[in-house]
Amino acid sequence: MDDKMLMEDLLNNTKGICDLYLHGTIESGTANVNQAFSKALNDSLCMQDAIYKKMSEKGWYPAEQAPQQQIDKVKQKFAAQQ
């Protein structure tokens, strides 16, 4: 397994963990449990962000800039729905 595949695996696993912690936070029945899940979620989101940034620096997670016209079109669509 090369470094890129390892990082992709780490990123995917971290995203899955974030999803689990999000649901734990939403569904928690007490303040203590909510706080524990919320902290774990925040820590995991920070980890996910760090992994993404490292992958992006290496060119392993390319992202395209959306054209301004497309952004404006989406804004208008959602503004009209309000």
Protein backbone atom coordinates (compact mmCIF):
# COMPACT_ATOMS: atom_id res chain seq x y z
CA MET A 1 0.00 0.00 0.00
CA ASP A 2 1.51 3.33 -1.04
CA ASP A 3 1.26 6.61 0.88
CA LYS A 4 -1.61 7.95 -1.21
CA MET A 5 -3.73 4.85 -0.63
CA LEU A 6 -2.91 4.92 3.08
CA MET A 7 -3.98 8.57 3.34
CA GLU A 8 -7.19 7.87 1.39
CA ASP A 9 -7.97 5.04 3.79
CA LEU A 10 -7.28 7.26 6.80
CA LEU A 11 -9.49 10.01 5.38
CA ASN A 12 -12.37 7.64 4.63
CA ASN A 13 -12.17 6.05 8.07
CA THR A 14 -12.04 9.44 9.76
CA LYS A 15 -15.09 10.60 7.81
CA GLY A 16 -16.95 7.49 8.96
CA ILE A 17 -15.96 8.13 12.55
CA CYS A 18 -17.17 11.74 12.26
CA ASP A 19 -20.54 10.44 11.06
CA LEU A 20 -20.81 8.10 14.05
CA TYR A 21 -19.86 10.83 16.53
CA LEU A 22 -22.33 13.24 14.91
CA HIS A 23 -25.17 10.76 15.44
CA GLY A 24 -23.98 10.09 18.98
CA THR A 25 -24.05 13.82 19.67
CA ILE A 26 -27.53 14.24 18.21
CA GLU A 27 -28.99 11.20 19.98
CA SER A 28 -27.28 11.56 23.36
CA GLY A 29 -29.66 11.58 26.30
CA THR A 30 -27.62 13.43 28.90
CA ALA A 31 -25.40 16.50 28.93
CA ASN A 32 -22.32 14.47 29.89
CA VAL A 33 -22.78 12.01 27.04
CA ASN A 34 -23.51 14.85 24.62
CA GLN A 35 -20.37 16.67 25.71
CA ALA A 36 -18.23 13.55 25.28
CA PHE A 37 -19.56 12.88 21.77
CA SER A 38 -19.31 16.55 20.84
CA LYS A 39 -15.64 16.71 21.88
CA ALA A 40 -14.87 13.47 20.05
CA LEU A 41 -16.64 14.85 16.95
CA ASN A 42 -14.67 18.10 17.07
CA ASP A 43 -11.37 16.24 17.52
CA SER A 44 -12.21 13.95 14.60
CA LEU A 45 -13.20 16.86 12.36
CA CYS A 46 -9.85 18.51 13.11
CA MET A 47 -8.08 15.26 12.24
CA GLN A 48 -10.08 14.94 9.02
CA ASP A 49 -9.16 18.50 8.08
CA ALA A 50 -5.46 17.88 8.71
CA ILE A 51 -5.51 14.72 6.58
CA TYR A 52 -7.35 16.53 3.77
CA LYS A 53 -4.89 19.44 3.83
CA LYS A 54 -1.89 17.08 3.65
CA MET A 55 -3.46 15.19 0.75
CA SER A 56 -4.29 18.43 -1.02
CA GLU A 57 -0.71 19.70 -0.61
CA LYS A 58 0.57 16.54 -2.29
CA GLY A 59 -1.98 16.79 -5.11
CA TRP A 60 -3.77 13.64 -3.96
CA TYR A 61 -7.13 15.35 -3.43
CA PRO A 62 -7.64 17.74 -6.34
CA ALA A 63 -10.48 20.21 -6.08
CA GLU A 64 -11.87 22.39 -8.82
CA GLN A 65 -12.92 25.98 -8.30
CA ALA A 66 -16.58 26.42 -9.23
CA PRO A 67 -17.19 29.16 -11.78
CA GLN A 68 -18.69 32.30 -10.21
CA GLN A 69 -21.67 32.09 -12.59
CA GLN A 70 -22.53 28.62 -11.24
CA ILE A 71 -22.20 29.83 -7.62
CA ASP A 72 -24.50 32.78 -8.33
CA LYS A 73 -27.05 30.48 -9.97
CA VAL A 74 -27.18 28.22 -6.90
CA LYS A 75 -27.47 31.25 -4.58
CA GLN A 76 -30.41 32.54 -6.58
CA LYS A 77 -32.11 29.16 -6.53
CA PHE A 78 -31.94 28.89 -2.75
CA ALA A 79 -32.80 32.54 -2.18
CA ALA A 80 -35.99 32.02 -4.19
CA GLN A 81 -36.98 29.06 -2.00
CA GLN A 82 -36.95 31.10 1.21
